[in-house]
PDB file of N, CA and C in Angstrom:
ATOM      1  N   UNK A   1     -15.354   6.869  13.651  1.00  0.00           N
ATOM      2  CA  UNK A   1     -15.872   7.972  12.922  1.00  0.00           C
ATOM      3  C   UNK A   1     -14.853   9.064  12.654  1.00  0.00           C
ATOM      4  N   UNK A   2     -13.560   8.766  12.706  1.00  0.00           N
ATOM      5  CA  UNK A   2     -12.542   9.784  12.444  1.00  0.00           C
ATOM      6  C   UNK A   2     -12.520  10.162  10.973  1.00  0.00           C
ATOM      7  N   UNK A   3     -12.315  11.439  10.718  1.00  0.00           N
ATOM      8  CA  UNK A   3     -12.236  11.930   9.343  1.00  0.00           C
ATOM      9  C   UNK A   3     -10.836  11.685   8.794  1.00  0.00           C
ATOM     10  N   UNK A   4     -10.793  11.411   7.510  1.00  0.00           N
ATOM     11  CA  UNK A   4      -9.505  11.219   6.826  1.00  0.00           C
ATOM     12  C   UNK A   4      -9.647  11.759   5.422  1.00  0.00           C
ATOM     13  N   UNK A   5      -8.702  12.535   4.995  1.00  0.00           N
ATOM     14  CA  UNK A   5      -8.708  13.086   3.645  1.00  0.00           C
ATOM     15  C   UNK A   5      -7.809  12.223   2.770  1.00  0.00           C
ATOM     16  N   UNK A   6      -8.352  11.772   1.659  1.00  0.00           N
ATOM     17  CA  UNK A   6      -7.605  10.996   0.688  1.00  0.00           C
ATOM     18  C   UNK A   6      -7.377  11.865  -0.540  1.00  0.00           C
ATOM     19  N   UNK A   7      -6.160  11.938  -0.995  1.00  0.00           N
ATOM     20  CA  UNK A   7      -5.834  12.649  -2.229  1.00  0.00           C
ATOM     21  C   UNK A   7      -5.615  11.606  -3.315  1.00  0.00           C
ATOM     22  N   UNK A   8      -6.109  11.900  -4.512  1.00  0.00           N
ATOM     23  CA  UNK A   8      -5.924  10.991  -5.634  1.00  0.00           C
ATOM     24  C   UNK A   8      -5.699  11.813  -6.893  1.00  0.00           C
ATOM     25  N   UNK A   9      -5.068  11.176  -7.873  1.00  0.00           N
ATOM     26  CA  UNK A   9      -4.744  11.858  -9.116  1.00  0.00           C
ATOM     27  C   UNK A   9      -5.043  10.935 -10.288  1.00  0.00           C
ATOM     28  N   UNK A  10      -5.587  11.544 -11.364  1.00  0.00           N
ATOM     29  CA  UNK A  10      -5.820  10.842 -12.628  1.00  0.00           C
ATOM     30  C   UNK A  10      -5.373  11.794 -13.719  1.00  0.00           C
ATOM     31  N   UNK A  11      -4.203  11.521 -14.274  1.00  0.00           N
ATOM     32  CA  UNK A  11      -3.629  12.452 -15.241  1.00  0.00           C
ATOM     33  C   UNK A  11      -3.338  13.774 -14.557  1.00  0.00           C
ATOM     34  N   UNK A  12      -3.880  14.865 -15.115  1.00  0.00           N
ATOM     35  CA  UNK A  12      -3.691  16.190 -14.527  1.00  0.00           C
ATOM     36  C   UNK A  12      -4.767  16.533 -13.507  1.00  0.00           C
ATOM     37  N   UNK A  13      -5.752  15.681 -13.368  1.00  0.00           N
ATOM     38  CA  UNK A  13      -6.875  15.931 -12.455  1.00  0.00           C
ATOM     39  C   UNK A  13      -6.525  15.431 -11.053  1.00  0.00           C
ATOM     40  N   UNK A  14      -6.763  16.283 -10.075  1.00  0.00           N
ATOM     41  CA  UNK A  14      -6.492  15.915  -8.681  1.00  0.00           C
ATOM     42  C   UNK A  14      -7.735  16.184  -7.848  1.00  0.00           C
ATOM     43  N   UNK A  15      -8.028  15.276  -6.931  1.00  0.00           N
ATOM     44  CA  UNK A  15      -9.180  15.443  -6.050  1.00  0.00           C
ATOM     45  C   UNK A  15      -8.783  15.084  -4.625  1.00  0.00           C
ATOM     46  N   UNK A  16      -9.521  15.632  -3.706  1.00  0.00           N
ATOM     47  CA  UNK A  16      -9.393  15.245  -2.300  1.00  0.00           C
ATOM     48  C   UNK A  16     -10.776  14.815  -1.839  1.00  0.00           C
ATOM     49  N   UNK A  17     -10.839  13.642  -1.252  1.00  0.00           N
ATOM     50  CA  UNK A  17     -12.094  13.084  -0.777  1.00  0.00           C
ATOM     51  C   UNK A  17     -11.988  12.914   0.725  1.00  0.00           C
ATOM     52  N   UNK A  18     -12.965  13.446   1.432  1.00  0.00           N
ATOM     53  CA  UNK A  18     -12.973  13.267   2.879  1.00  0.00           C
ATOM     54  C   UNK A  18     -13.869  12.083   3.209  1.00  0.00           C
ATOM     55  N   UNK A  19     -13.305  11.125   3.893  1.00  0.00           N
ATOM     56  CA  UNK A  19     -14.046   9.941   4.303  1.00  0.00           C
ATOM     57  C   UNK A  19     -13.965   9.777   5.805  1.00  0.00           C
ATOM     58  N   UNK A  20     -14.662   8.789   6.288  1.00  0.00           N
ATOM     59  CA  UNK A  20     -14.639   8.466   7.717  1.00  0.00           C
ATOM     60  C   UNK A  20     -14.336   6.984   7.878  1.00  0.00           C
ATOM     61  N   UNK A  21     -13.643   6.670   8.935  1.00  0.00           N
ATOM     62  CA  UNK A  21     -13.360   5.272   9.214  1.00  0.00           C
ATOM     63  C   UNK A  21     -13.565   4.999  10.699  1.00  0.00           C
ATOM     64  N   UNK A  22     -13.893   3.763  11.000  1.00  0.00           N
ATOM     65  CA  UNK A  22     -14.067   3.373  12.395  1.00  0.00           C
ATOM     66  C   UNK A  22     -12.967   2.424  12.854  1.00  0.00           C
ATOM     67  N   UNK A  23     -12.273   1.824  11.907  1.00  0.00           N
ATOM     68  CA  UNK A  23     -11.164   0.938  12.230  1.00  0.00           C
ATOM     69  C   UNK A  23      -9.978   1.389  11.393  1.00  0.00           C
ATOM     70  N   UNK A  24      -8.819   1.519  12.013  1.00  0.00           N
ATOM     71  CA  UNK A  24      -7.616   1.906  11.289  1.00  0.00           C
ATOM     72  C   UNK A  24      -6.456   1.009  11.684  1.00  0.00           C
ATOM     73  N   UNK A  25      -5.569   0.799  10.742  1.00  0.00           N
ATOM     74  CA  UNK A  25      -4.399  -0.052  10.974  1.00  0.00           C
ATOM     75  C   UNK A  25      -3.155   0.668  10.486  1.00  0.00           C
ATOM     76  N   UNK A  26      -2.014   0.230  10.960  1.00  0.00           N
ATOM     77  CA  UNK A  26      -0.755   0.741  10.431  1.00  0.00           C
ATOM     78  C   UNK A  26       0.057  -0.400   9.825  1.00  0.00           C
ATOM     79  N   UNK A  27      -0.660  -1.413   9.336  1.00  0.00           N
ATOM     80  CA  UNK A  27      -0.013  -2.594   8.778  1.00  0.00           C
ATOM     81  C   UNK A  27      -0.796  -3.051   7.554  1.00  0.00           C
ATOM     82  N   UNK A  28      -0.114  -3.220   6.430  1.00  0.00           N
ATOM     83  CA  UNK A  28      -0.773  -3.633   5.200  1.00  0.00           C
ATOM     84  C   UNK A  28      -1.455  -4.974   5.302  1.00  0.00           C
ATOM     85  N   UNK A  29      -0.874  -5.911   6.054  1.00  0.00           N
ATOM     86  CA  UNK A  29      -1.503  -7.224   6.203  1.00  0.00           C
ATOM     87  C   UNK A  29      -2.826  -7.127   6.953  1.00  0.00           C
ATOM     88  N   UNK A  30      -2.913  -6.224   7.911  1.00  0.00           N
ATOM     89  CA  UNK A  30      -4.166  -6.012   8.633  1.00  0.00           C
ATOM     90  C   UNK A  30      -5.209  -5.390   7.712  1.00  0.00           C
ATOM     91  N   UNK A  31      -4.805  -4.429   6.888  1.00  0.00           N
ATOM     92  CA  UNK A  31      -5.722  -3.849   5.901  1.00  0.00           C
ATOM     93  C   UNK A  31      -6.237  -4.929   4.958  1.00  0.00           C
ATOM     94  N   UNK A  32      -5.335  -5.783   4.489  1.00  0.00           N
ATOM     95  CA  UNK A  32      -5.714  -6.855   3.583  1.00  0.00           C
ATOM     96  C   UNK A  32      -6.716  -7.797   4.248  1.00  0.00           C
ATOM     97  N   UNK A  33      -6.448  -8.180   5.483  1.00  0.00           N
ATOM     98  CA  UNK A  33      -7.372  -9.064   6.206  1.00  0.00           C
ATOM     99  C   UNK A  33      -8.733  -8.412   6.377  1.00  0.00           C
ATOM    100  N   UNK A  34      -8.755  -7.118   6.666  1.00  0.00           N
ATOM    101  CA  UNK A  34     -10.025  -6.406   6.820  1.00  0.00           C
ATOM    102  C   UNK A  34     -10.795  -6.396   5.507  1.00  0.00           C
ATOM    103  N   UNK A  35     -10.094  -6.152   4.407  1.00  0.00           N
ATOM    104  CA  UNK A  35     -10.756  -6.148   3.100  1.00  0.00           C
ATOM    105  C   UNK A  35     -11.310  -7.529   2.765  1.00  0.00           C
ATOM    106  N   UNK A  36     -10.522  -8.561   3.013  1.00  0.00           N
ATOM    107  CA  UNK A  36     -10.975  -9.924   2.726  1.00  0.00           C
ATOM    108  C   UNK A  36     -12.158 -10.328   3.600  1.00  0.00           C
ATOM    109  N   UNK A  37     -12.260  -9.726   4.786  1.00  0.00           N
ATOM    110  CA  UNK A  37     -13.390  -9.990   5.679  1.00  0.00           C
ATOM    111  C   UNK A  37     -14.615  -9.145   5.307  1.00  0.00           C
ATOM    112  N   UNK A  38     -14.473  -8.293   4.298  1.00  0.00           N
ATOM    113  CA  UNK A  38     -15.597  -7.487   3.843  1.00  0.00           C
ATOM    114  C   UNK A  38     -15.884  -6.277   4.698  1.00  0.00           C
ATOM    115  N   UNK A  39     -14.865  -5.747   5.371  1.00  0.00           N
ATOM    116  CA  UNK A  39     -15.078  -4.627   6.285  1.00  0.00           C
ATOM    117  C   UNK A  39     -15.081  -3.267   5.608  1.00  0.00           C
ATOM    118  N   UNK A  40     -14.830  -3.208   4.308  1.00  0.00           N
ATOM    119  CA  UNK A  40     -14.888  -1.920   3.637  1.00  0.00           C
ATOM    120  C   UNK A  40     -13.877  -1.785   2.535  1.00  0.00           C
ATOM    121  N   UNK A  41     -13.710  -0.559   2.093  1.00  0.00           N
ATOM    122  CA  UNK A  41     -12.789  -0.218   1.016  1.00  0.00           C
ATOM    123  C   UNK A  41     -11.430   0.094   1.623  1.00  0.00           C
ATOM    124  N   UNK A  42     -10.393  -0.429   1.024  1.00  0.00           N
ATOM    125  CA  UNK A  42      -9.033  -0.191   1.509  1.00  0.00           C
ATOM    126  C   UNK A  42      -8.141   0.207   0.340  1.00  0.00           C
ATOM    127  N   UNK A  43      -7.072   0.884   0.646  1.00  0.00           N
ATOM    128  CA  UNK A  43      -6.042   1.211  -0.337  1.00  0.00           C
ATOM    129  C   UNK A  43      -4.836   0.338  -0.032  1.00  0.00           C
ATOM    130  N   UNK A  44      -4.524  -0.552  -0.960  1.00  0.00           N
ATOM    131  CA  UNK A  44      -3.412  -1.483  -0.781  1.00  0.00           C
ATOM    132  C   UNK A  44      -2.421  -1.352  -1.923  1.00  0.00           C
ATOM    133  N   UNK A  45      -1.162  -1.647  -1.658  1.00  0.00           N
ATOM    134  CA  UNK A  45      -0.210  -1.729  -2.762  1.00  0.00           C
ATOM    135  C   UNK A  45      -0.649  -2.837  -3.729  1.00  0.00           C
ATOM    136  N   UNK A  46      -0.423  -2.624  -5.008  1.00  0.00           N
ATOM    137  CA  UNK A  46      -0.882  -3.592  -6.007  1.00  0.00           C
ATOM    138  C   UNK A  46      -0.288  -4.984  -5.793  1.00  0.00           C
ATOM    139  N   UNK A  47       0.958  -5.064  -5.322  1.00  0.00           N
ATOM    140  CA  UNK A  47       1.559  -6.378  -5.117  1.00  0.00           C
ATOM    141  C   UNK A  47       0.839  -7.172  -4.022  1.00  0.00           C
ATOM    142  N   UNK A  48       0.168  -6.493  -3.103  1.00  0.00           N
ATOM    143  CA  UNK A  48      -0.591  -7.198  -2.060  1.00  0.00           C
ATOM    144  C   UNK A  48      -1.986  -7.575  -2.544  1.00  0.00           C
ATOM    145  N   UNK A  49      -2.591  -6.706  -3.338  1.00  0.00           N
ATOM    146  CA  UNK A  49      -3.972  -6.921  -3.762  1.00  0.00           C
ATOM    147  C   UNK A  49      -4.082  -7.852  -4.963  1.00  0.00           C
ATOM    148  N   UNK A  50      -3.114  -7.827  -5.869  1.00  0.00           N
ATOM    149  CA  UNK A  50      -3.217  -8.524  -7.151  1.00  0.00           C
ATOM    150  C   UNK A  50      -3.613 -10.001  -7.044  1.00  0.00           C
ATOM    151  N   UNK A  51      -3.000 -10.794  -6.163  1.00  0.00           N
ATOM    152  CA  UNK A  51      -3.392 -12.209  -6.109  1.00  0.00           C
ATOM    153  C   UNK A  51      -4.859 -12.390  -5.699  1.00  0.00           C
ATOM    154  N   UNK A  52      -5.344 -11.527  -4.835  1.00  0.00           N
ATOM    155  CA  UNK A  52      -6.718 -11.632  -4.354  1.00  0.00           C
ATOM    156  C   UNK A  52      -7.709 -11.117  -5.383  1.00  0.00           C
ATOM    157  N   UNK A  53      -7.302 -10.138  -6.168  1.00  0.00           N
ATOM    158  CA  UNK A  53      -8.141  -9.673  -7.282  1.00  0.00           C
ATOM    159  C   UNK A  53      -8.227 -10.788  -8.323  1.00  0.00           C
ATOM    160  N   UNK A  54      -7.096 -11.434  -8.616  1.00  0.00           N
ATOM    161  CA  UNK A  54      -7.061 -12.509  -9.610  1.00  0.00           C
ATOM    162  C   UNK A  54      -7.966 -13.673  -9.213  1.00  0.00           C
ATOM    163  N   UNK A  55      -8.083 -13.938  -7.921  1.00  0.00           N
ATOM    164  CA  UNK A  55      -8.933 -15.034  -7.438  1.00  0.00           C
ATOM    165  C   UNK A  55     -10.372 -14.599  -7.151  1.00  0.00           C
ATOM    166  N   UNK A  56     -10.678 -13.345  -7.440  1.00  0.00           N
ATOM    167  CA  UNK A  56     -12.043 -12.858  -7.235  1.00  0.00           C
ATOM    168  C   UNK A  56     -12.397 -12.565  -5.789  1.00  0.00           C
ATOM    169  N   UNK A  57     -11.407 -12.525  -4.922  1.00  0.00           N
ATOM    170  CA  UNK A  57     -11.653 -12.259  -3.502  1.00  0.00           C
ATOM    171  C   UNK A  57     -11.784 -10.765  -3.212  1.00  0.00           C
ATOM    172  N   UNK A  58     -11.166  -9.936  -4.050  1.00  0.00           N
ATOM    173  CA  UNK A  58     -11.265  -8.486  -3.935  1.00  0.00           C
ATOM    174  C   UNK A  58     -11.661  -7.921  -5.285  1.00  0.00           C
ATOM    175  N   UNK A  59     -12.390  -6.814  -5.250  1.00  0.00           N
ATOM    176  CA  UNK A  59     -12.775  -6.118  -6.471  1.00  0.00           C
ATOM    177  C   UNK A  59     -12.091  -4.760  -6.500  1.00  0.00           C
ATOM    178  N   UNK A  60     -11.360  -4.467  -7.565  1.00  0.00           N
ATOM    179  CA  UNK A  60     -10.711  -3.155  -7.646  1.00  0.00           C
ATOM    180  C   UNK A  60     -11.743  -2.066  -7.937  1.00  0.00           C
ATOM    181  N   UNK A  61     -11.553  -0.916  -7.331  1.00  0.00           N
ATOM    182  CA  UNK A  61     -12.378   0.262  -7.604  1.00  0.00           C
ATOM    183  C   UNK A  61     -11.440   1.426  -7.873  1.00  0.00           C
ATOM    184  N   UNK A  62     -11.923   2.387  -8.638  1.00  0.00           N
ATOM    185  CA  UNK A  62     -11.147   3.589  -8.947  1.00  0.00           C
ATOM    186  C   UNK A  62      -9.759   3.248  -9.490  1.00  0.00           C
ATOM    187  N   UNK A  63      -9.720   2.284 -10.409  1.00  0.00           N
ATOM    188  CA  UNK A  63      -8.439   1.798 -10.925  1.00  0.00           C
ATOM    189  C   UNK A  63      -7.639   2.850 -11.682  1.00  0.00           C
ATOM    190  N   UNK A  64      -8.333   3.801 -12.283  1.00  0.00           N
ATOM    191  CA  UNK A  64      -7.601   4.795 -13.060  1.00  0.00           C
ATOM    192  C   UNK A  64      -7.116   5.966 -12.214  1.00  0.00           C
ATOM    193  N   UNK A  65      -7.355   5.921 -10.909  1.00  0.00           N
ATOM    194  CA  UNK A  65      -6.883   6.956  -9.990  1.00  0.00           C
ATOM    195  C   UNK A  65      -5.680   6.427  -9.227  1.00  0.00           C
ATOM    196  N   UNK A  66      -4.750   7.308  -8.925  1.00  0.00           N
ATOM    197  CA  UNK A  66      -3.565   6.918  -8.168  1.00  0.00           C
ATOM    198  C   UNK A  66      -3.490   7.717  -6.882  1.00  0.00           C
ATOM    199  N   UNK A  67      -3.129   7.030  -5.814  1.00  0.00           N
ATOM    200  CA  UNK A  67      -2.862   7.682  -4.539  1.00  0.00           C
ATOM    201  C   UNK A  67      -1.394   8.093  -4.508  1.00  0.00           C
ATOM    202  N   UNK A  68      -1.042   9.037  -3.655  1.00  0.00           N
ATOM    203  CA  UNK A  68       0.373   9.397  -3.538  1.00  0.00           C
ATOM    204  C   UNK A  68       1.196   8.172  -3.122  1.00  0.00           C
ATOM    205  N   UNK A  69       2.443   8.096  -3.547  1.00  0.00           N
ATOM    206  CA  UNK A  69       3.278   6.945  -3.173  1.00  0.00           C
ATOM    207  C   UNK A  69       3.435   6.848  -1.655  1.00  0.00           C
ATOM    208  N   UNK A  70       3.473   5.615  -1.180  1.00  0.00           N
ATOM    209  CA  UNK A  70       3.699   5.375   0.246  1.00  0.00           C
ATOM    210  C   UNK A  70       5.184   5.101   0.457  1.00  0.00           C
ATOM    211  N   UNK A  71       5.776   5.761   1.420  1.00  0.00           N
ATOM    212  CA  UNK A  71       7.199   5.483   1.660  1.00  0.00           C
ATOM    213  C   UNK A  71       7.391   4.080   2.237  1.00  0.00           C
ATOM    214  N   UNK A  72       8.471   3.458   1.861  1.00  0.00           N
ATOM    215  CA  UNK A  72       8.828   2.154   2.405  1.00  0.00           C
ATOM    216  C   UNK A  72      10.299   2.223   2.773  1.00  0.00           C
ATOM    217  N   UNK A  73      10.638   1.663   3.896  1.00  0.00           N
ATOM    218  CA  UNK A  73      12.011   1.732   4.383  1.00  0.00           C
ATOM    219  C   UNK A  73      12.533   0.327   4.660  1.00  0.00           C
ATOM    220  N   UNK A  74      13.768   0.094   4.314  1.00  0.00           N
ATOM    221  CA  UNK A  74      14.467  -1.117   4.712  1.00  0.00           C
ATOM    222  C   UNK A  74      15.336  -0.706   5.887  1.00  0.00           C
ATOM    223  N   UNK A  75      15.115  -1.346   7.013  1.00  0.00           N
ATOM    224  CA  UNK A  75      15.862  -0.984   8.213  1.00  0.00           C
ATOM    225  C   UNK A  75      16.795  -2.120   8.607  1.00  0.00           C
ATOM    226  N   UNK A  76      17.979  -1.753   9.008  1.00  0.00           N
ATOM    227  CA  UNK A  76      18.962  -2.731   9.441  1.00  0.00           C
ATOM    228  C   UNK A  76      19.879  -2.074  10.452  1.00  0.00           C
ATOM    229  N   UNK A  77      20.500  -2.873  11.313  1.00  0.00           N
ATOM    230  CA  UNK A  77      21.374  -2.281  12.333  1.00  0.00           C
ATOM    231  C   UNK A  77      22.593  -1.633  11.678  1.00  0.00           C
ATOM    232  N   UNK A  78      22.962  -0.473  12.186  1.00  0.00           N
ATOM    233  CA  UNK A  78      24.130   0.201  11.608  1.00  0.00           C
ATOM    234  C   UNK A  78      25.431  -0.515  11.985  1.00  0.00           C
ATOM    235  N   UNK A  79      26.315  -0.589  11.041  1.00  0.00           N
ATOM    236  CA  UNK A  79      27.668  -1.078  11.302  1.00  0.00           C
ATOM    237  C   UNK A  79      28.587  -0.495  10.234  1.00  0.00           C
ATOM    238  N   UNK A  80      29.828  -0.792  10.311  1.00  0.00           N
ATOM    239  CA  UNK A  80      30.787  -0.176   9.388  1.00  0.00           C
ATOM    240  C   UNK A  80      30.661  -0.706   7.962  1.00  0.00           C
ATOM    241  N   UNK A  81      30.356  -1.983   7.828  1.00  0.00           N
ATOM    242  CA  UNK A  81      30.333  -2.604   6.507  1.00  0.00           C
ATOM    243  C   UNK A  81      28.987  -3.286   6.265  1.00  0.00           C
ATOM    244  N   UNK A  82      28.362  -2.952   5.145  1.00  0.00           N
ATOM    245  CA  UNK A  82      27.121  -3.604   4.775  1.00  0.00           C
ATOM    246  C   UNK A  82      27.470  -4.937   4.110  1.00  0.00           C
ATOM    247  N   UNK A  83      26.829  -6.007   4.557  1.00  0.00           N
ATOM    248  CA  UNK A  83      27.122  -7.310   3.971  1.00  0.00           C
ATOM    249  C   UNK A  83      26.627  -7.368   2.530  1.00  0.00           C
ATOM    250  N   UNK A  84      27.220  -8.242   1.757  1.00  0.00           N
ATOM    251  CA  UNK A  84      26.820  -8.419   0.365  1.00  0.00           C
ATOM    252  C   UNK A  84      25.379  -8.942   0.290  1.00  0.00           C
ATOM    253  N   UNK A  85      24.991  -9.790   1.216  1.00  0.00           N
ATOM    254  CA  UNK A  85      23.619 -10.321   1.227  1.00  0.00           C
ATOM    255  C   UNK A  85      22.605  -9.197   1.436  1.00  0.00           C
ATOM    256  N   UNK A  86      22.904  -8.298   2.356  1.00  0.00           N
ATOM    257  CA  UNK A  86      22.001  -7.179   2.608  1.00  0.00           C
ATOM    258  C   UNK A  86      21.945  -6.261   1.392  1.00  0.00           C
ATOM    259  N   UNK A  87      23.074  -5.993   0.777  1.00  0.00           N
ATOM    260  CA  UNK A  87      23.094  -5.138  -0.412  1.00  0.00           C
ATOM    261  C   UNK A  87      22.256  -5.738  -1.537  1.00  0.00           C
ATOM    262  N   UNK A  88      22.369  -7.052  -1.744  1.00  0.00           N
ATOM    263  CA  UNK A  88      21.584  -7.735  -2.776  1.00  0.00           C
ATOM    264  C   UNK A  88      20.099  -7.649  -2.446  1.00  0.00           C
ATOM    265  N   UNK A  89      19.753  -7.833  -1.176  1.00  0.00           N
ATOM    266  CA  UNK A  89      18.342  -7.738  -0.771  1.00  0.00           C
ATOM    267  C   UNK A  89      17.802  -6.332  -1.020  1.00  0.00           C
ATOM    268  N   UNK A  90      18.532  -5.308  -0.617  1.00  0.00           N
ATOM    269  CA  UNK A  90      18.083  -3.929  -0.816  1.00  0.00           C
ATOM    270  C   UNK A  90      17.915  -3.637  -2.307  1.00  0.00           C
ATOM    271  N   UNK A  91      18.854  -4.068  -3.117  1.00  0.00           N
ATOM    272  CA  UNK A  91      18.744  -3.861  -4.564  1.00  0.00           C
ATOM    273  C   UNK A  91      17.508  -4.562  -5.121  1.00  0.00           C
ATOM    274  N   UNK A  92      17.210  -5.755  -4.625  1.00  0.00           N
ATOM    275  CA  UNK A  92      16.026  -6.502  -5.069  1.00  0.00           C
ATOM    276  C   UNK A  92      14.751  -5.758  -4.658  1.00  0.00           C
ATOM    277  N   UNK A  93      14.681  -5.265  -3.430  1.00  0.00           N
ATOM    278  CA  UNK A  93      13.491  -4.514  -2.983  1.00  0.00           C
ATOM    279  C   UNK A  93      13.275  -3.288  -3.863  1.00  0.00           C
ATOM    280  N   UNK A  94      14.344  -2.568  -4.145  1.00  0.00           N
ATOM    281  CA  UNK A  94      14.245  -1.380  -4.987  1.00  0.00           C
ATOM    282  C   UNK A  94      13.736  -1.760  -6.387  1.00  0.00           C
ATOM    283  N   UNK A  95      14.251  -2.853  -6.913  1.00  0.00           N
ATOM    284  CA  UNK A  95      13.832  -3.289  -8.258  1.00  0.00           C
ATOM    285  C   UNK A  95      12.366  -3.708  -8.275  1.00  0.00           C
ATOM    286  N   UNK A  96      11.945  -4.473  -7.295  1.00  0.00           N
ATOM    287  CA  UNK A  96      10.568  -4.982  -7.261  1.00  0.00           C
ATOM    288  C   UNK A  96       9.560  -3.883  -6.925  1.00  0.00           C
ATOM    289  N   UNK A  97       9.874  -3.046  -5.968  1.00  0.00           N
ATOM    290  CA  UNK A  97       8.920  -2.062  -5.489  1.00  0.00           C
ATOM    291  C   UNK A  97       9.192  -0.651  -5.977  1.00  0.00           C
ATOM    292  N   UNK A  98      10.327  -0.446  -6.624  1.00  0.00           N
ATOM    293  CA  UNK A  98      10.710   0.901  -7.043  1.00  0.00           C
ATOM    294  C   UNK A  98       9.824   1.445  -8.115  1.00  0.00           C
TER     295      UNK A  98
END
């Protein structure tokens, strides 16, 4: 029953909706599994939801509203030289999710 405020935007219109949840996750795959199990409404990145929407497993709601962007980080051990493989991967992530 914890309260959570969701902010959304549609053009110049902005709203804040206060909702309650009984189950919370910090992992997109867990949110996806909960949605597929019918546990409620979730906010997922489009790349995670799209295949399930296409197969009729999930129904999009509030499609014309946007939530604030979620930060995503690529983490790797620090060293003096970044490998070419890692640089290519980071560039690909930025291109796909940017």
